[in-house]
Amino acid sequence: MPEHPAHRKEPALRGTVNQLARTLALANRYLVEQLERQGLSGIAPSHGDIFVQLFAHGELPMSELAQRIGRDPSTVTALVKKLAAGGYVATAKQADDKRVVLVKLTDRGRSLQPAFESISNALVDVQHRGLSGDDLEALDRMLRTMQENFETALKGEPV
């Protein structure tokens, strides 16, 4: 099998996925630490996107919530069940279509908004430290392109 052109480049260019994975792992560790500092040790970083969407939109159908956070519906269902067990969200069938499950924050869940805003601001501060606006725009553009490449490849289309 011929060597891919990217493999002949500098070693730093070959470890992009590894660097992304390591960065994500560190960001998750940072989030867990921040959640624990806020007294939210029962909440995982994977719940964050759900809270953000519900803070912004109040109540959402489970399927729309899954789409908004880019997760598989079965994954979101499991995450929502854990949050419901903790008293942070409630679910109900939509009145005019019982197949649709609506998710909304409880008072307990809404009370976490200031903590989540604080954690989010701290995460952005750490993430952006030492990077210019141009750096961040370029990084965002490159990451979106890589994401699209993987999505295309997973559909079986040529990249």
Protein backbone atom coordinates (compact mmCIF):
# COMPACT_ATOMS: atom_id res chain seq x y z
CA MET A 1 0.00 0.00 0.00
CA PRO A 2 1.54 3.38 -0.96
CA GLU A 3 2.27 5.80 1.82
CA HIS A 4 -0.22 8.64 2.20
CA PRO A 5 1.31 12.07 1.36
CA ALA A 6 0.47 13.40 4.84
CA HIS A 7 2.57 10.63 6.40
CA ARG A 8 5.67 11.98 4.67
CA LYS A 9 5.23 15.41 6.24
CA GLU A 10 6.53 16.65 9.54
CA PRO A 11 5.73 14.37 12.50
CA ALA A 12 3.67 17.17 14.07
CA LEU A 13 1.24 16.98 11.15
CA ARG A 14 0.62 13.26 11.64
CA GLY A 15 -0.71 13.43 15.20
CA THR A 16 -3.68 15.73 14.73
CA VAL A 17 -6.33 13.25 15.89
CA ASN A 18 -4.15 12.26 18.83
CA GLN A 19 -3.70 15.93 19.80
CA LEU A 20 -7.44 16.53 19.50
CA ALA A 21 -8.18 13.49 21.67
CA ARG A 22 -5.65 14.58 24.30
CA THR A 23 -7.02 18.13 24.30
CA LEU A 24 -10.58 16.84 24.70
CA ALA A 25 -9.52 14.57 27.57
CA LEU A 26 -7.82 17.50 29.33
CA ALA A 27 -10.83 19.75 28.76
CA ASN A 28 -13.10 17.08 30.23
CA ARG A 29 -10.84 16.72 33.28
CA TYR A 30 -10.93 20.50 33.69
CA LEU A 31 -14.74 20.51 33.44
CA VAL A 32 -15.07 17.71 36.02
CA GLU A 33 -12.85 19.70 38.37
CA GLN A 34 -14.90 22.87 37.82
CA LEU A 35 -18.18 21.00 38.34
CA GLU A 36 -16.87 19.55 41.60
CA ARG A 37 -15.75 23.01 42.78
CA GLN A 38 -19.31 24.22 42.20
CA GLY A 39 -20.66 21.27 44.22
CA LEU A 40 -22.00 19.55 41.10
CA SER A 41 -20.13 16.26 41.33
CA GLY A 42 -23.16 14.27 40.09
CA ILE A 43 -23.16 16.09 36.76
CA ALA A 44 -20.85 15.02 33.95
CA PRO A 45 -19.36 17.23 31.23
CA SER A 46 -21.53 15.33 28.73
CA HIS A 47 -24.59 16.89 30.39
CA GLY A 48 -23.34 20.42 29.72
CA ASP A 49 -24.69 20.77 26.18
CA ILE A 50 -28.12 19.61 27.35
CA PHE A 51 -28.19 22.26 30.07
CA VAL A 52 -27.01 24.97 27.66
CA GLN A 53 -29.79 24.16 25.18
CA LEU A 54 -32.47 24.00 27.87
CA PHE A 55 -31.26 27.25 29.47
CA ALA A 56 -31.62 28.89 26.05
CA HIS A 57 -34.85 27.27 24.83
CA GLY A 58 -36.75 26.20 27.95
CA GLU A 59 -38.38 23.04 26.64
CA LEU A 60 -37.32 20.94 23.66
CA PRO A 61 -38.40 17.70 22.04
CA MET A 62 -35.85 14.97 22.78
CA SER A 63 -35.14 14.51 19.05
CA GLU A 64 -34.47 18.23 18.56
CA LEU A 65 -32.26 18.29 21.63
CA ALA A 66 -30.23 15.40 20.19
CA GLN A 67 -29.89 17.21 16.87
CA ARG A 68 -28.90 20.51 18.49
CA ILE A 69 -26.09 18.91 20.51
CA GLY A 70 -24.95 16.58 17.74
CA ARG A 71 -25.53 13.35 19.66
CA ASP A 72 -27.30 10.13 18.84
CA PRO A 73 -30.90 10.15 20.18
CA SER A 74 -30.28 7.02 22.28
CA THR A 75 -27.28 8.71 23.92
CA VAL A 76 -29.35 11.81 24.71
CA THR A 77 -32.13 9.64 26.14
CA ALA A 78 -29.64 8.02 28.54
CA LEU A 79 -28.17 11.41 29.54
CA VAL A 80 -31.64 12.89 30.09
CA LYS A 81 -32.70 9.89 32.21
CA LYS A 82 -29.72 10.46 34.49
CA LEU A 83 -30.54 14.17 34.79
CA ALA A 84 -34.19 13.34 35.49
CA ALA A 85 -33.14 10.89 38.22
CA GLY A 86 -31.16 13.73 39.80
CA GLY A 87 -34.17 16.03 39.66
CA TYR A 88 -32.61 18.44 37.14
CA VAL A 89 -34.99 17.85 34.23
CA ALA A 90 -38.48 16.50 33.68
CA THR A 91 -39.88 14.75 30.64
CA ALA A 92 -43.43 14.61 29.36
CA LYS A 93 -45.25 13.44 26.26
CA GLN A 94 -46.31 16.20 23.89
CA ALA A 95 -50.09 16.73 24.20
CA ASP A 96 -50.90 16.55 20.48
CA ASP A 97 -48.37 13.83 19.59
CA LYS A 98 -47.65 11.27 22.30
CA ARG A 99 -44.64 9.95 20.34
CA VAL A 100 -42.77 13.20 21.07
CA VAL A 101 -40.99 13.41 24.42
CA LEU A 102 -40.42 16.94 25.71
CA VAL A 103 -37.54 17.78 28.03
CA LYS A 104 -37.51 20.79 30.34
CA LEU A 105 -35.53 21.99 33.32
CA THR A 106 -36.95 21.71 36.81
CA ASP A 107 -36.44 24.50 39.34
CA ARG A 108 -33.40 22.57 40.56
CA GLY A 109 -32.00 22.45 37.02
CA ARG A 110 -32.69 26.15 36.37
CA SER A 111 -30.89 27.04 39.59
CA LEU A 112 -27.65 25.74 38.05
CA GLN A 113 -27.52 28.36 35.29
CA PRO A 114 -25.16 30.75 37.14
CA ALA A 115 -22.76 27.88 37.91
CA PHE A 116 -22.82 26.69 34.29
CA GLU A 117 -22.20 30.22 33.02
CA SER A 118 -19.23 30.56 35.37
CA ILE A 119 -17.80 27.19 34.30
CA SER A 120 -18.35 28.00 30.63
CA ASN A 121 -16.59 31.35 30.95
CA ALA A 122 -13.65 29.73 32.74
CA LEU A 123 -13.41 27.03 30.06
CA VAL A 124 -13.36 29.63 27.27
CA ASP A 125 -10.71 31.66 29.12
CA VAL A 126 -8.41 28.64 29.45
CA GLN A 127 -9.11 27.42 25.92
CA HIS A 128 -8.38 30.79 24.29
CA ARG A 129 -5.40 31.83 26.40
CA GLY A 130 -2.44 32.70 24.17
CA LEU A 131 -4.45 32.57 20.94
CA SER A 132 -5.30 35.58 18.78
CA GLY A 133 -8.64 36.15 17.13
CA ASP A 134 -7.07 35.13 13.81
CA ASP A 135 -5.70 31.94 15.41
CA LEU A 136 -9.14 31.05 16.75
CA GLU A 137 -10.86 31.71 13.41
CA ALA A 138 -8.30 29.57 11.57
CA LEU A 139 -8.60 26.79 14.14
CA ASP A 140 -12.39 26.83 13.93
CA ARG A 141 -12.26 26.68 10.13
CA MET A 142 -9.78 23.79 10.15
CA LEU A 143 -11.70 21.79 12.75
CA ARG A 144 -14.96 22.24 10.83
CA THR A 145 -13.24 21.02 7.66
CA MET A 146 -11.86 17.95 9.47
CA GLN A 147 -15.29 17.23 10.95
CA GLU A 148 -16.90 17.48 7.51
CA ASN A 149 -14.21 15.18 6.09
CA PHE A 150 -15.00 12.50 8.68
CA GLU A 151 -18.76 12.91 8.20
CA THR A 152 -18.28 12.48 4.44
CA ALA A 153 -16.05 9.43 4.91
CA LEU A 154 -18.57 7.84 7.29
CA LYS A 155 -21.24 8.19 4.61
CA GLY A 156 -18.99 6.17 2.31
CA GLU A 157 -18.33 9.11 0.02
CA PRO A 158 -14.86 10.03 -1.23
CA VAL A 159 -13.15 12.70 0.84
